[in-house]
Amino acid sequence: MNLRIIKPIAGGILLGVAMFFIPLFVLRVATFLIILGIVLRYFAGRPRVGSRLMYRRMAFADRIRNMNEEEYNRFKAGFAGGCGFEPQSSSGKNDK
């Protein structure tokens, strides 16, 4: 049998199969990379909510540190009610 004709036929079959399946493979890989890029940008590209809260806490602490004694005493007096609740004694019961 002549092998010269079988090699091009096998090559053509392999090339046809590759041309049929490669676009599906490339599409799957591209979809995966796009989704991976979106996820990485979502988590790595934006500031964390906790870090913004930390900056606000630090700014609040700086504001308190920069108060003089009179301002600080007024500030503490505003929280004497415990955020709207009745103050409790050391035994844990109300003073009523």
PDB file of N, CA and C in Angstrom:
ATOM      1  N   MET A   1       0.825  -1.174   0.000  1.00  0.00           N
ATOM      2  CA  MET A   1       0.000   0.000   0.000  1.00  0.00           C
ATOM      3  C   MET A   1       0.879   1.252   0.000  1.00  0.00           C
ATOM      4  N   ASN A   2       0.381   2.272  -0.630  1.00  0.00           N
ATOM      5  CA  ASN A   2       1.145   3.493  -0.781  1.00  0.00           C
ATOM      6  C   ASN A   2       0.919   4.394   0.425  1.00  0.00           C
ATOM      7  N   LEU A   3       1.990   4.682   1.225  1.00  0.00           N
ATOM      8  CA  LEU A   3       1.893   5.504   2.428  1.00  0.00           C
ATOM      9  C   LEU A   3       1.842   6.993   2.109  1.00  0.00           C
ATOM     10  N   ARG A   4       2.189   7.361   0.886  1.00  0.00           N
ATOM     11  CA  ARG A   4       2.177   8.770   0.520  1.00  0.00           C
ATOM     12  C   ARG A   4       0.760   9.345   0.551  1.00  0.00           C
ATOM     13  N   ILE A   5      -0.228   8.586   0.283  1.00  0.00           N
ATOM     14  CA  ILE A   5      -1.603   9.082   0.266  1.00  0.00           C
ATOM     15  C   ILE A   5      -2.231   9.030   1.659  1.00  0.00           C
ATOM     16  N   ILE A   6      -1.786   8.096   2.518  1.00  0.00           N
ATOM     17  CA  ILE A   6      -2.371   7.944   3.850  1.00  0.00           C
ATOM     18  C   ILE A   6      -1.934   9.082   4.777  1.00  0.00           C
ATOM     19  N   LYS A   7      -0.690   9.525   4.679  1.00  0.00           N
ATOM     20  CA  LYS A   7      -0.202  10.609   5.533  1.00  0.00           C
ATOM     21  C   LYS A   7      -0.973  11.914   5.315  1.00  0.00           C
ATOM     22  N   PRO A   8      -1.203  12.368   4.087  1.00  0.00           N
ATOM     23  CA  PRO A   8      -1.988  13.596   3.915  1.00  0.00           C
ATOM     24  C   PRO A   8      -3.451  13.439   4.353  1.00  0.00           C
ATOM     25  N   ILE A   9      -4.013  12.257   4.180  1.00  0.00           N
ATOM     26  CA  ILE A   9      -5.388  12.029   4.619  1.00  0.00           C
ATOM     27  C   ILE A   9      -5.467  12.104   6.145  1.00  0.00           C
ATOM     28  N   ALA A  10      -4.532  11.442   6.844  1.00  0.00           N
ATOM     29  CA  ALA A  10      -4.506  11.490   8.312  1.00  0.00           C
ATOM     30  C   ALA A  10      -4.248  12.915   8.799  1.00  0.00           C
ATOM     31  N   GLY A  11      -3.359  13.629   8.134  1.00  0.00           N
ATOM     32  CA  GLY A  11      -3.090  15.023   8.492  1.00  0.00           C
ATOM     33  C   GLY A  11      -4.322  15.893   8.295  1.00  0.00           C
ATOM     34  N   GLY A  12      -5.040  15.668   7.198  1.00  0.00           N
ATOM     35  CA  GLY A  12      -6.262  16.433   6.938  1.00  0.00           C
ATOM     36  C   GLY A  12      -7.339  16.143   7.971  1.00  0.00           C
ATOM     37  N   ILE A  13      -7.458  14.869   8.345  1.00  0.00           N
ATOM     38  CA  ILE A  13      -8.443  14.508   9.371  1.00  0.00           C
ATOM     39  C   ILE A  13      -8.079  15.170  10.703  1.00  0.00           C
ATOM     40  N   LEU A  14      -6.814  15.094  11.101  1.00  0.00           N
ATOM     41  CA  LEU A  14      -6.377  15.727  12.347  1.00  0.00           C
ATOM     42  C   LEU A  14      -6.557  17.244  12.298  1.00  0.00           C
ATOM     43  N   LEU A  15      -6.252  17.851  11.151  1.00  0.00           N
ATOM     44  CA  LEU A  15      -6.428  19.286  11.017  1.00  0.00           C
ATOM     45  C   LEU A  15      -7.910  19.666  11.088  1.00  0.00           C
ATOM     46  N   GLY A  16      -8.773  18.876  10.478  1.00  0.00           N
ATOM     47  CA  GLY A  16     -10.214  19.142  10.530  1.00  0.00           C
ATOM     48  C   GLY A  16     -10.768  19.004  11.938  1.00  0.00           C
ATOM     49  N   VAL A  17     -10.325  17.955  12.647  1.00  0.00           N
ATOM     50  CA  VAL A  17     -10.767  17.772  14.033  1.00  0.00           C
ATOM     51  C   VAL A  17     -10.270  18.926  14.888  1.00  0.00           C
ATOM     52  N   ALA A  18      -9.030  19.323  14.687  1.00  0.00           N
ATOM     53  CA  ALA A  18      -8.474  20.438  15.465  1.00  0.00           C
ATOM     54  C   ALA A  18      -9.231  21.729  15.172  1.00  0.00           C
ATOM     55  N   MET A  19      -9.532  21.985  13.897  1.00  0.00           N
ATOM     56  CA  MET A  19     -10.259  23.202  13.554  1.00  0.00           C
ATOM     57  C   MET A  19     -11.685  23.172  14.084  1.00  0.00           C
ATOM     58  N   PHE A  20     -12.226  21.990  14.291  1.00  0.00           N
ATOM     59  CA  PHE A  20     -13.575  21.886  14.846  1.00  0.00           C
ATOM     60  C   PHE A  20     -13.571  22.113  16.357  1.00  0.00           C
ATOM     61  N   PHE A  21     -12.608  21.529  17.078  1.00  0.00           N
ATOM     62  CA  PHE A  21     -12.617  21.590  18.534  1.00  0.00           C
ATOM     63  C   PHE A  21     -11.861  22.784  19.125  1.00  0.00           C
ATOM     64  N   ILE A  22     -10.892  23.338  18.426  1.00  0.00           N
ATOM     65  CA  ILE A  22     -10.111  24.452  18.972  1.00  0.00           C
ATOM     66  C   ILE A  22     -10.967  25.683  19.242  1.00  0.00           C
ATOM     67  N   PRO A  23     -11.885  26.082  18.359  1.00  0.00           N
ATOM     68  CA  PRO A  23     -12.698  27.257  18.708  1.00  0.00           C
ATOM     69  C   PRO A  23     -13.504  27.054  19.992  1.00  0.00           C
ATOM     70  N   LEU A  24     -14.012  25.868  20.220  1.00  0.00           N
ATOM     71  CA  LEU A  24     -14.730  25.606  21.464  1.00  0.00           C
ATOM     72  C   LEU A  24     -13.798  25.698  22.659  1.00  0.00           C
ATOM     73  N   PHE A  25     -12.606  25.156  22.503  1.00  0.00           N
ATOM     74  CA  PHE A  25     -11.613  25.216  23.572  1.00  0.00           C
ATOM     75  C   PHE A  25     -11.187  26.659  23.833  1.00  0.00           C
ATOM     76  N   VAL A  26     -10.917  27.392  22.760  1.00  0.00           N
ATOM     77  CA  VAL A  26     -10.501  28.787  22.894  1.00  0.00           C
ATOM     78  C   VAL A  26     -11.616  29.608  23.525  1.00  0.00           C
ATOM     79  N   LEU A  27     -12.857  29.334  23.139  1.00  0.00           N
ATOM     80  CA  LEU A  27     -13.991  30.057  23.714  1.00  0.00           C
ATOM     81  C   LEU A  27     -14.112  29.766  25.207  1.00  0.00           C
ATOM     82  N   ARG A  28     -13.933  28.530  25.594  1.00  0.00           N
ATOM     83  CA  ARG A  28     -13.988  28.178  27.018  1.00  0.00           C
ATOM     84  C   ARG A  28     -12.854  28.830  27.801  1.00  0.00           C
ATOM     85  N   VAL A  29     -11.657  28.802  27.255  1.00  0.00           N
ATOM     86  CA  VAL A  29     -10.513  29.423  27.926  1.00  0.00           C
ATOM     87  C   VAL A  29     -10.718  30.931  28.034  1.00  0.00           C
ATOM     88  N   ALA A  30     -11.188  31.560  26.954  1.00  0.00           N
ATOM     89  CA  ALA A  30     -11.425  33.006  26.979  1.00  0.00           C
ATOM     90  C   ALA A  30     -12.504  33.357  27.997  1.00  0.00           C
ATOM     91  N   THR A  31     -13.570  32.572  28.060  1.00  0.00           N
ATOM     92  CA  THR A  31     -14.628  32.818  29.035  1.00  0.00           C
ATOM     93  C   THR A  31     -14.088  32.686  30.455  1.00  0.00           C
ATOM     94  N   PHE A  32     -13.295  31.660  30.695  1.00  0.00           N
ATOM     95  CA  PHE A  32     -12.696  31.468  32.011  1.00  0.00           C
ATOM     96  C   PHE A  32     -11.803  32.645  32.385  1.00  0.00           C
ATOM     97  N   LEU A  33     -10.976  33.104  31.442  1.00  0.00           N
ATOM     98  CA  LEU A  33     -10.070  34.220  31.728  1.00  0.00           C
ATOM     99  C   LEU A  33     -10.839  35.519  31.968  1.00  0.00           C
ATOM    100  N   ILE A  34     -11.918  35.731  31.238  1.00  0.00           N
ATOM    101  CA  ILE A  34     -12.724  36.941  31.449  1.00  0.00           C
ATOM    102  C   ILE A  34     -13.367  36.913  32.828  1.00  0.00           C
ATOM    103  N   ILE A  35     -13.938  35.777  33.208  1.00  0.00           N
ATOM    104  CA  ILE A  35     -14.555  35.660  34.529  1.00  0.00           C
ATOM    105  C   ILE A  35     -13.504  35.814  35.621  1.00  0.00           C
ATOM    106  N   LEU A  36     -12.351  35.205  35.450  1.00  0.00           N
ATOM    107  CA  LEU A  36     -11.270  35.337  36.425  1.00  0.00           C
ATOM    108  C   LEU A  36     -10.822  36.790  36.544  1.00  0.00           C
ATOM    109  N   GLY A  37     -10.709  37.494  35.421  1.00  0.00           N
ATOM    110  CA  GLY A  37     -10.322  38.900  35.454  1.00  0.00           C
ATOM    111  C   GLY A  37     -11.341  39.762  36.174  1.00  0.00           C
ATOM    112  N   ILE A  38     -12.637  39.488  35.944  1.00  0.00           N
ATOM    113  CA  ILE A  38     -13.688  40.252  36.627  1.00  0.00           C
ATOM    114  C   ILE A  38     -13.617  40.017  38.127  1.00  0.00           C
ATOM    115  N   VAL A  39     -13.453  38.767  38.525  1.00  0.00           N
ATOM    116  CA  VAL A  39     -13.390  38.450  39.958  1.00  0.00           C
ATOM    117  C   VAL A  39     -12.174  39.101  40.600  1.00  0.00           C
ATOM    118  N   LEU A  40     -11.030  39.028  39.957  1.00  0.00           N
ATOM    119  CA  LEU A  40      -9.820  39.631  40.528  1.00  0.00           C
ATOM    120  C   LEU A  40      -9.928  41.140  40.603  1.00  0.00           C
ATOM    121  N   ARG A  41     -10.522  41.768  39.605  1.00  0.00           N
ATOM    122  CA  ARG A  41     -10.694  43.221  39.659  1.00  0.00           C
ATOM    123  C   ARG A  41     -11.675  43.605  40.743  1.00  0.00           C
ATOM    124  N   TYR A  42     -12.697  42.788  40.936  1.00  0.00           N
ATOM    125  CA  TYR A  42     -13.691  43.093  41.964  1.00  0.00           C
ATOM    126  C   TYR A  42     -13.066  43.064  43.353  1.00  0.00           C
ATOM    127  N   PHE A  43     -12.249  42.045  43.621  1.00  0.00           N
ATOM    128  CA  PHE A  43     -11.677  41.910  44.957  1.00  0.00           C
ATOM    129  C   PHE A  43     -10.413  42.731  45.148  1.00  0.00           C
ATOM    130  N   ALA A  44      -9.599  42.897  44.121  1.00  0.00           N
ATOM    131  CA  ALA A  44      -8.320  43.572  44.292  1.00  0.00           C
ATOM    132  C   ALA A  44      -8.365  45.040  43.889  1.00  0.00           C
ATOM    133  N   GLY A  45      -9.316  45.436  43.082  1.00  0.00           N
ATOM    134  CA  GLY A  45      -9.296  46.771  42.535  1.00  0.00           C
ATOM    135  C   GLY A  45     -10.021  47.816  43.344  1.00  0.00           C
ATOM    136  N   ARG A  46     -10.803  47.426  44.333  1.00  0.00           N
ATOM    137  CA  ARG A  46     -11.552  48.431  45.078  1.00  0.00           C
ATOM    138  C   ARG A  46     -11.169  48.382  46.540  1.00  0.00           C
ATOM    139  N   PRO A  47     -11.264  49.504  47.220  1.00  0.00           N
ATOM    140  CA  PRO A  47     -10.898  49.501  48.634  1.00  0.00           C
ATOM    141  C   PRO A  47     -11.878  48.690  49.468  1.00  0.00           C
ATOM    142  N   ARG A  48     -11.385  48.118  50.503  1.00  0.00           N
ATOM    143  CA  ARG A  48     -12.210  47.300  51.386  1.00  0.00           C
ATOM    144  C   ARG A  48     -13.122  48.178  52.227  1.00  0.00           C
ATOM    145  N   VAL A  49     -14.284  47.685  52.556  1.00  0.00           N
ATOM    146  CA  VAL A  49     -15.220  48.418  53.395  1.00  0.00           C
ATOM    147  C   VAL A  49     -14.624  48.585  54.784  1.00  0.00           C
ATOM    148  N   GLY A  50     -13.961  47.570  55.273  1.00  0.00           N
ATOM    149  CA  GLY A  50     -13.354  47.632  56.594  1.00  0.00           C
ATOM    150  C   GLY A  50     -12.269  48.684  56.688  1.00  0.00           C
ATOM    151  N   SER A  51     -11.524  48.895  55.600  1.00  0.00           N
ATOM    152  CA  SER A  51     -10.465  49.893  55.648  1.00  0.00           C
ATOM    153  C   SER A  51     -11.050  51.293  55.722  1.00  0.00           C
ATOM    154  N   ARG A  52     -12.194  51.517  55.049  1.00  0.00           N
ATOM    155  CA  ARG A  52     -12.839  52.826  55.162  1.00  0.00           C
ATOM    156  C   ARG A  52     -13.324  53.053  56.586  1.00  0.00           C
ATOM    157  N   LEU A  53     -13.858  52.011  57.192  1.00  0.00           N
ATOM    158  CA  LEU A  53     -14.309  52.125  58.572  1.00  0.00           C
ATOM    159  C   LEU A  53     -13.129  52.385  59.497  1.00  0.00           C
ATOM    160  N   MET A  54     -12.003  51.752  59.212  1.00  0.00           N
ATOM    161  CA  MET A  54     -10.818  51.968  60.028  1.00  0.00           C
ATOM    162  C   MET A  54     -10.349  53.422  59.926  1.00  0.00           C
ATOM    163  N   TYR A  55     -10.383  53.995  58.720  1.00  0.00           N
ATOM    164  CA  TYR A  55      -9.965  55.383  58.556  1.00  0.00           C
ATOM    165  C   TYR A  55     -10.897  56.329  59.311  1.00  0.00           C
ATOM    166  N   ARG A  56     -12.192  56.025  59.306  1.00  0.00           N
ATOM    167  CA  ARG A  56     -13.126  56.865  60.047  1.00  0.00           C
ATOM    168  C   ARG A  56     -12.865  56.760  61.544  1.00  0.00           C
ATOM    169  N   ARG A  57     -12.557  55.563  62.027  1.00  0.00           N
ATOM    170  CA  ARG A  57     -12.245  55.407  63.453  1.00  0.00           C
ATOM    171  C   ARG A  57     -10.987  56.164  63.820  1.00  0.00           C
ATOM    172  N   MET A  58      -9.989  56.109  62.938  1.00  0.00           N
ATOM    173  CA  MET A  58      -8.745  56.817  63.214  1.00  0.00           C
ATOM    174  C   MET A  58      -8.985  58.323  63.217  1.00  0.00           C
ATOM    175  N   ALA A  59      -9.808  58.809  62.303  1.00  0.00           N
ATOM    176  CA  ALA A  59     -10.106  60.241  62.272  1.00  0.00           C
ATOM    177  C   ALA A  59     -10.874  60.646  63.524  1.00  0.00           C
ATOM    178  N   PHE A  60     -11.781  59.785  63.982  1.00  0.00           N
ATOM    179  CA  PHE A  60     -12.531  60.070  65.201  1.00  0.00           C
ATOM    180  C   PHE A  60     -11.592  60.102  66.402  1.00  0.00           C
ATOM    181  N   ALA A  61     -10.651  59.175  66.451  1.00  0.00           N
ATOM    182  CA  ALA A  61      -9.676  59.152  67.549  1.00  0.00           C
ATOM    183  C   ALA A  61      -8.796  60.400  67.502  1.00  0.00           C
ATOM    184  N   ASP A  62      -8.405  60.831  66.315  1.00  0.00           N
ATOM    185  CA  ASP A  62      -7.604  62.053  66.211  1.00  0.00           C
ATOM    186  C   ASP A  62      -8.394  63.266  66.687  1.00  0.00           C
ATOM    187  N   ARG A  63      -9.690  63.293  66.377  1.00  0.00           N
ATOM    188  CA  ARG A  63     -10.527  64.402  66.825  1.00  0.00           C
ATOM    189  C   ARG A  63     -10.584  64.448  68.350  1.00  0.00           C
ATOM    190  N   ILE A  64     -10.705  63.279  68.970  1.00  0.00           N
ATOM    191  CA  ILE A  64     -10.752  63.230  70.434  1.00  0.00           C
ATOM    192  C   ILE A  64      -9.404  63.627  71.026  1.00  0.00           C
ATOM    193  N   ARG A  65      -8.317  63.168  70.427  1.00  0.00           N
ATOM    194  CA  ARG A  65      -6.984  63.511  70.937  1.00  0.00           C
ATOM    195  C   ARG A  65      -6.726  65.019  70.876  1.00  0.00           C
ATOM    196  N   ASN A  66      -7.304  65.693  69.884  1.00  0.00           N
ATOM    197  CA  ASN A  66      -7.054  67.119  69.711  1.00  0.00           C
ATOM    198  C   ASN A  66      -7.984  67.994  70.554  1.00  0.00           C
ATOM    199  N   MET A  67      -8.880  67.383  71.313  1.00  0.00           N
ATOM    200  CA  MET A  67      -9.784  68.166  72.164  1.00  0.00           C
ATOM    201  C   MET A  67      -9.055  68.638  73.419  1.00  0.00           C
ATOM    202  N   ASN A  68      -9.457  69.815  73.901  1.00  0.00           N
ATOM    203  CA  ASN A  68      -8.932  70.243  75.197  1.00  0.00           C
ATOM    204  C   ASN A  68      -9.808  69.623  76.284  1.00  0.00           C
ATOM    205  N   GLU A  69      -9.491  69.894  77.551  1.00  0.00           N
ATOM    206  CA  GLU A  69     -10.200  69.249  78.668  1.00  0.00           C
ATOM    207  C   GLU A  69     -11.688  69.596  78.690  1.00  0.00           C
ATOM    208  N   GLU A  70     -12.014  70.862  78.435  1.00  0.00           N
ATOM    209  CA  GLU A  70     -13.412  71.283  78.481  1.00  0.00           C
ATOM    210  C   GLU A  70     -14.236  70.604  77.380  1.00  0.00           C
ATOM    211  N   GLU A  71     -13.689  70.561  76.174  1.00  0.00           N
ATOM    212  CA  GLU A  71     -14.395  69.893  75.069  1.00  0.00           C
ATOM    213  C   GLU A  71     -14.547  68.399  75.346  1.00  0.00           C
ATOM    214  N   TYR A  72     -13.508  67.800  75.900  1.00  0.00           N
ATOM    215  CA  TYR A  72     -13.564  66.367  76.179  1.00  0.00           C
ATOM    216  C   TYR A  72     -14.594  66.044  77.262  1.00  0.00           C
ATOM    217  N   ASN A  73     -14.683  66.874  78.278  1.00  0.00           N
ATOM    218  CA  ASN A  73     -15.687  66.655  79.332  1.00  0.00           C
ATOM    219  C   ASN A  73     -17.100  66.800  78.775  1.00  0.00           C
ATOM    220  N   ARG A  74     -17.324  67.775  77.871  1.00  0.00           N
ATOM    221  CA  ARG A  74     -18.646  67.901  77.237  1.00  0.00           C
ATOM    222  C   ARG A  74     -18.945  66.676  76.372  1.00  0.00           C
ATOM    223  N   PHE A  75     -17.923  66.189  75.700  1.00  0.00           N
ATOM    224  CA  PHE A  75     -18.085  64.999  74.860  1.00  0.00           C
ATOM    225  C   PHE A  75     -18.478  63.784  75.700  1.00  0.00           C
ATOM    226  N   LYS A  76     -17.794  63.588  76.819  1.00  0.00           N
ATOM    227  CA  LYS A  76     -18.115  62.467  77.707  1.00  0.00           C
ATOM    228  C   LYS A  76     -19.502  62.623  78.313  1.00  0.00           C
ATOM    229  N   ALA A  77     -19.895  63.852  78.638  1.00  0.00           N
ATOM    230  CA  ALA A  77     -21.217  64.082  79.218  1.00  0.00           C
ATOM    231  C   ALA A  77     -22.319  63.725  78.229  1.00  0.00           C
ATOM    232  N   GLY A  78     -22.059  63.860  76.951  1.00  0.00           N
ATOM    233  CA  GLY A  78     -23.041  63.483  75.938  1.00  0.00           C
ATOM    234  C   GLY A  78     -23.284  61.990  75.894  1.00  0.00           C
ATOM    235  N   PHE A  79     -22.328  61.195  76.328  1.00  0.00           N
ATOM    236  CA  PHE A  79     -22.472  59.742  76.330  1.00  0.00           C
ATOM    237  C   PHE A  79     -22.774  59.187  77.721  1.00  0.00           C
ATOM    238  N   ALA A  80     -23.109  60.034  78.661  1.00  0.00           N
ATOM    239  CA  ALA A  80     -23.366  59.575  80.025  1.00  0.00           C
ATOM    240  C   ALA A  80     -24.586  58.673  80.092  1.00  0.00           C
ATOM    241  N   GLY A  81     -25.540  58.862  79.192  1.00  0.00           N
ATOM    242  CA  GLY A  81     -26.738  58.020  79.178  1.00  0.00           C
ATOM    243  C   GLY A  81     -26.501  56.677  78.521  1.00  0.00           C
ATOM    244  N   GLY A  82     -25.329  56.427  77.992  1.00  0.00           N
ATOM    245  CA  GLY A  82     -25.025  55.142  77.368  1.00  0.00           C
ATOM    246  C   GLY A  82     -25.791  54.917  76.081  1.00  0.00           C
ATOM    247  N   CYS A  83     -25.753  55.845  75.172  1.00  0.00           N
ATOM    248  CA  CYS A  83     -26.424  55.745  73.877  1.00  0.00           C
ATOM    249  C   CYS A  83     -27.935  55.651  74.029  1.00  0.00           C
ATOM    250  N   GLY A  84     -28.491  56.366  74.970  1.00  0.00           N
ATOM    251  CA  GLY A  84     -29.935  56.416  75.128  1.00  0.00           C
ATOM    252  C   GLY A  84     -30.485  55.470  76.174  1.00  0.00           C
ATOM    253  N   PHE A  85     -29.666  54.632  76.754  1.00  0.00           N
ATOM    254  CA  PHE A  85     -30.129  53.705  77.788  1.00  0.00           C
ATOM    255  C   PHE A  85     -29.852  54.283  79.173  1.00  0.00           C
ATOM    256  N   GLU A  86     -30.559  53.764  80.143  1.00  0.00           N
ATOM    257  CA  GLU A  86     -30.345  54.195  81.523  1.00  0.00           C
ATOM    258  C   GLU A  86     -28.983  53.716  82.002  1.00  0.00           C
ATOM    259  N   PRO A  87     -28.257  54.558  82.756  1.00  0.00           N
ATOM    260  CA  PRO A  87     -26.985  54.093  83.307  1.00  0.00           C
ATOM    261  C   PRO A  87     -27.223  52.995  84.341  1.00  0.00           C
ATOM    262  N   GLN A  88     -26.329  52.017  84.378  1.00  0.00           N
ATOM    263  CA  GLN A  88     -26.483  50.903  85.312  1.00  0.00           C
ATOM    264  C   GLN A  88     -25.420  50.996  86.390  1.00  0.00           C
ATOM    265  N   SER A  89     -25.760  50.476  87.554  1.00  0.00           N
ATOM    266  CA  SER A  89     -24.791  50.465  88.648  1.00  0.00           C
ATOM    267  C   SER A  89     -23.805  49.317  88.424  1.00  0.00           C
ATOM    268  N   SER A  90     -22.829  49.207  89.300  1.00  0.00           N
ATOM    269  CA  SER A  90     -21.814  48.181  89.129  1.00  0.00           C
ATOM    270  C   SER A  90     -22.375  46.783  89.383  1.00  0.00           C
ATOM    271  N   SER A  91     -23.523  46.669  90.092  1.00  0.00           N
ATOM    272  CA  SER A  91     -24.100  45.359  90.328  1.00  0.00           C
ATOM    273  C   SER A  91     -24.860  44.829  89.120  1.00  0.00           C
ATOM    274  N   GLY A  92     -25.082  45.690  88.141  1.00  0.00           N
ATOM    275  CA  GLY A  92     -25.748  45.264  86.938  1.00  0.00           C
ATOM    276  C   GLY A  92     -27.244  45.518  86.955  1.00  0.00           C
ATOM    277  N   LYS A  93     -27.773  46.058  88.052  1.00  0.00           N
ATOM    278  CA  LYS A  93     -29.202  46.365  88.146  1.00  0.00           C
ATOM    279  C   LYS A  93     -29.401  47.860  88.012  1.00  0.00           C
ATOM    280  N   ASN A  94     -30.587  48.278  87.634  1.00  0.00           N
ATOM    281  CA  ASN A  94     -30.880  49.700  87.519  1.00  0.00           C
ATOM    282  C   ASN A  94     -30.888  50.353  88.896  1.00  0.00           C
ATOM    283  N   ASP A  95     -30.591  51.661  88.926  1.00  0.00           N
ATOM    284  CA  ASP A  95     -30.519  52.398  90.184  1.00  0.00           C
ATOM    285  C   ASP A  95     -31.889  52.878  90.651  1.00  0.00           C
ATOM    286  N   LYS A  96     -32.951  52.431  90.097  1.00  0.00           N
ATOM    287  CA  LYS A  96     -34.282  52.915  90.445  1.00  0.00           C
ATOM    288  C   LYS A  96     -34.738  52.401  91.773  1.00  0.00           C
TER     289      LYS A  96
END
